[in-house]
């Protein structure tokens, strides 16, 4: 699983998206695409990759999917994400 997470985070938009979700908040694709400056289709694909890799979950709210970091994310994966942000990988 760690390799799939690292692979998913290798793309800059997919590395930045979880930082927005870092504090446990849920965000819809529309908010993420606005904050990261990408199209809806591209943001949806990125979020699908992150969800399949394991660190994110989604919840349908009417026509929107809302994403957040998995609350029961394995501690070693949580540390991996935290390290990327603390070390300034994500600006």
C-alpha atoms as a PDB file:
ATOM      1  CA  UNK A   1       0.000   0.000   0.000  1.00  0.00           C
ATOM      2  CA  UNK A   2       2.812   2.444   0.765  1.00  0.00           C
ATOM      3  CA  UNK A   3       4.090   2.173  -2.814  1.00  0.00           C
ATOM      4  CA  UNK A   4       0.667   2.970  -4.236  1.00  0.00           C
ATOM      5  CA  UNK A   5       0.402   6.042  -1.959  1.00  0.00           C
ATOM      6  CA  UNK A   6       3.886   7.234  -2.932  1.00  0.00           C
ATOM      7  CA  UNK A   7       3.062   6.703  -6.585  1.00  0.00           C
ATOM      8  CA  UNK A   8      -0.190   8.638  -6.233  1.00  0.00           C
ATOM      9  CA  UNK A   9       1.602  11.510  -4.478  1.00  0.00           C
ATOM     10  CA  UNK A  10       4.256  11.735  -7.211  1.00  0.00           C
ATOM     11  CA  UNK A  11       2.091  14.159  -9.206  1.00  0.00           C
ATOM     12  CA  UNK A  12       2.112  17.770  -7.870  1.00  0.00           C
ATOM     13  CA  UNK A  13      -1.671  18.272  -7.833  1.00  0.00           C
ATOM     14  CA  UNK A  14      -2.187  14.941  -6.056  1.00  0.00           C
ATOM     15  CA  UNK A  15       0.504  15.929  -3.567  1.00  0.00           C
ATOM     16  CA  UNK A  16      -1.184  19.283  -2.882  1.00  0.00           C
ATOM     17  CA  UNK A  17      -4.782  18.050  -2.577  1.00  0.00           C
ATOM     18  CA  UNK A  18      -4.344  16.089   0.683  1.00  0.00           C
ATOM     19  CA  UNK A  19      -2.723  19.131   2.300  1.00  0.00           C
ATOM     20  CA  UNK A  20      -6.016  20.991   1.885  1.00  0.00           C
ATOM     21  CA  UNK A  21      -7.721  18.035   3.595  1.00  0.00           C
ATOM     22  CA  UNK A  22      -5.017  17.726   6.255  1.00  0.00           C
ATOM     23  CA  UNK A  23      -7.013  19.088   9.198  1.00  0.00           C
ATOM     24  CA  UNK A  24      -9.881  16.651   8.789  1.00  0.00           C
ATOM     25  CA  UNK A  25     -12.136  18.930   6.788  1.00  0.00           C
ATOM     26  CA  UNK A  26     -14.186  17.635   3.886  1.00  0.00           C
ATOM     27  CA  UNK A  27     -13.917  19.412   0.559  1.00  0.00           C
ATOM     28  CA  UNK A  28     -15.803  18.981  -2.675  1.00  0.00           C
ATOM     29  CA  UNK A  29     -14.067  18.706  -6.016  1.00  0.00           C
ATOM     30  CA  UNK A  30     -15.316  22.210  -6.862  1.00  0.00           C
ATOM     31  CA  UNK A  31     -13.421  23.679  -3.899  1.00  0.00           C
ATOM     32  CA  UNK A  32     -10.274  21.666  -4.597  1.00  0.00           C
ATOM     33  CA  UNK A  33     -10.251  22.583  -8.288  1.00  0.00           C
ATOM     34  CA  UNK A  34     -10.682  26.279  -7.459  1.00  0.00           C
ATOM     35  CA  UNK A  35      -7.880  26.237  -4.886  1.00  0.00           C
ATOM     36  CA  UNK A  36      -5.489  24.233  -7.067  1.00  0.00           C
ATOM     37  CA  UNK A  37      -6.365  25.824 -10.407  1.00  0.00           C
ATOM     38  CA  UNK A  38      -7.315  22.687 -12.323  1.00  0.00           C
ATOM     39  CA  UNK A  39     -10.371  21.651 -14.301  1.00  0.00           C
ATOM     40  CA  UNK A  40     -13.195  19.582 -12.838  1.00  0.00           C
ATOM     41  CA  UNK A  41     -12.366  16.516 -14.911  1.00  0.00           C
ATOM     42  CA  UNK A  42      -8.699  16.619 -14.010  1.00  0.00           C
ATOM     43  CA  UNK A  43      -9.405  17.142 -10.300  1.00  0.00           C
ATOM     44  CA  UNK A  44     -11.888  14.263 -10.273  1.00  0.00           C
ATOM     45  CA  UNK A  45      -9.304  11.956 -11.856  1.00  0.00           C
ATOM     46  CA  UNK A  46      -6.653  12.999  -9.319  1.00  0.00           C
ATOM     47  CA  UNK A  47      -9.006  12.391  -6.423  1.00  0.00           C
ATOM     48  CA  UNK A  48      -9.971   8.992  -7.809  1.00  0.00           C
ATOM     49  CA  UNK A  49      -6.281   8.015  -7.926  1.00  0.00           C
ATOM     50  CA  UNK A  50      -5.762   9.166  -4.333  1.00  0.00           C
ATOM     51  CA  UNK A  51      -8.861   7.317  -3.148  1.00  0.00           C
ATOM     52  CA  UNK A  52      -7.773   4.114  -4.899  1.00  0.00           C
ATOM     53  CA  UNK A  53      -4.287   4.438  -3.374  1.00  0.00           C
ATOM     54  CA  UNK A  54      -5.860   4.492   0.062  1.00  0.00           C
ATOM     55  CA  UNK A  55      -5.361   7.753   1.974  1.00  0.00           C
ATOM     56  CA  UNK A  56      -8.711   9.367   1.079  1.00  0.00           C
ATOM     57  CA  UNK A  57     -12.380   8.536   1.380  1.00  0.00           C
ATOM     58  CA  UNK A  58     -15.359  10.240  -0.182  1.00  0.00           C
ATOM     59  CA  UNK A  59     -18.979  10.901   0.703  1.00  0.00           C
ATOM     60  CA  UNK A  60     -21.719  11.825  -1.734  1.00  0.00           C
ATOM     61  CA  UNK A  61     -23.581  15.021  -0.872  1.00  0.00           C
ATOM     62  CA  UNK A  62     -26.318  15.529  -3.491  1.00  0.00           C
ATOM     63  CA  UNK A  63     -24.447  15.852  -6.796  1.00  0.00           C
ATOM     64  CA  UNK A  64     -21.053  16.499  -5.131  1.00  0.00           C
ATOM     65  CA  UNK A  65     -18.446  14.095  -3.835  1.00  0.00           C
ATOM     66  CA  UNK A  66     -16.784  15.380  -0.699  1.00  0.00           C
ATOM     67  CA  UNK A  67     -13.309  14.083   0.135  1.00  0.00           C
ATOM     68  CA  UNK A  68     -11.339  13.801   3.345  1.00  0.00           C
ATOM     69  CA  UNK A  69      -8.330  11.948   4.655  1.00  0.00           C
ATOM     70  CA  UNK A  70      -9.280   8.510   5.894  1.00  0.00           C
ATOM     71  CA  UNK A  71      -9.781   8.801   9.676  1.00  0.00           C
ATOM     72  CA  UNK A  72      -8.347   5.329  10.275  1.00  0.00           C
ATOM     73  CA  UNK A  73      -5.356   5.848   7.985  1.00  0.00           C
ATOM     74  CA  UNK A  74      -2.456   3.657   9.066  1.00  0.00           C
ATOM     75  CA  UNK A  75      -0.050   5.579  11.314  1.00  0.00           C
ATOM     76  CA  UNK A  76       2.917   5.061   8.980  1.00  0.00           C
ATOM     77  CA  UNK A  77       0.940   6.547   6.070  1.00  0.00           C
ATOM     78  CA  UNK A  78      -0.177   9.477   8.239  1.00  0.00           C
ATOM     79  CA  UNK A  79       3.481  10.113   9.139  1.00  0.00           C
ATOM     80  CA  UNK A  80       4.414   9.960   5.460  1.00  0.00           C
ATOM     81  CA  UNK A  81       1.841  12.633   4.595  1.00  0.00           C
ATOM     82  CA  UNK A  82       2.819  14.749   7.596  1.00  0.00           C
ATOM     83  CA  UNK A  83       6.500  14.563   6.654  1.00  0.00           C
ATOM     84  CA  UNK A  84       5.810  15.765   3.127  1.00  0.00           C
ATOM     85  CA  UNK A  85       4.044  18.853   4.470  1.00  0.00           C
ATOM     86  CA  UNK A  86       6.455  19.616   7.324  1.00  0.00           C
ATOM     87  CA  UNK A  87       9.477  19.362   5.062  1.00  0.00           C
ATOM     88  CA  UNK A  88       7.961  21.909   2.712  1.00  0.00           C
ATOM     89  CA  UNK A  89       7.332  19.546  -0.163  1.00  0.00           C
ATOM     90  CA  UNK A  90       3.956  21.220  -0.455  1.00  0.00           C
ATOM     91  CA  UNK A  91       4.121  25.006  -0.559  1.00  0.00           C
END
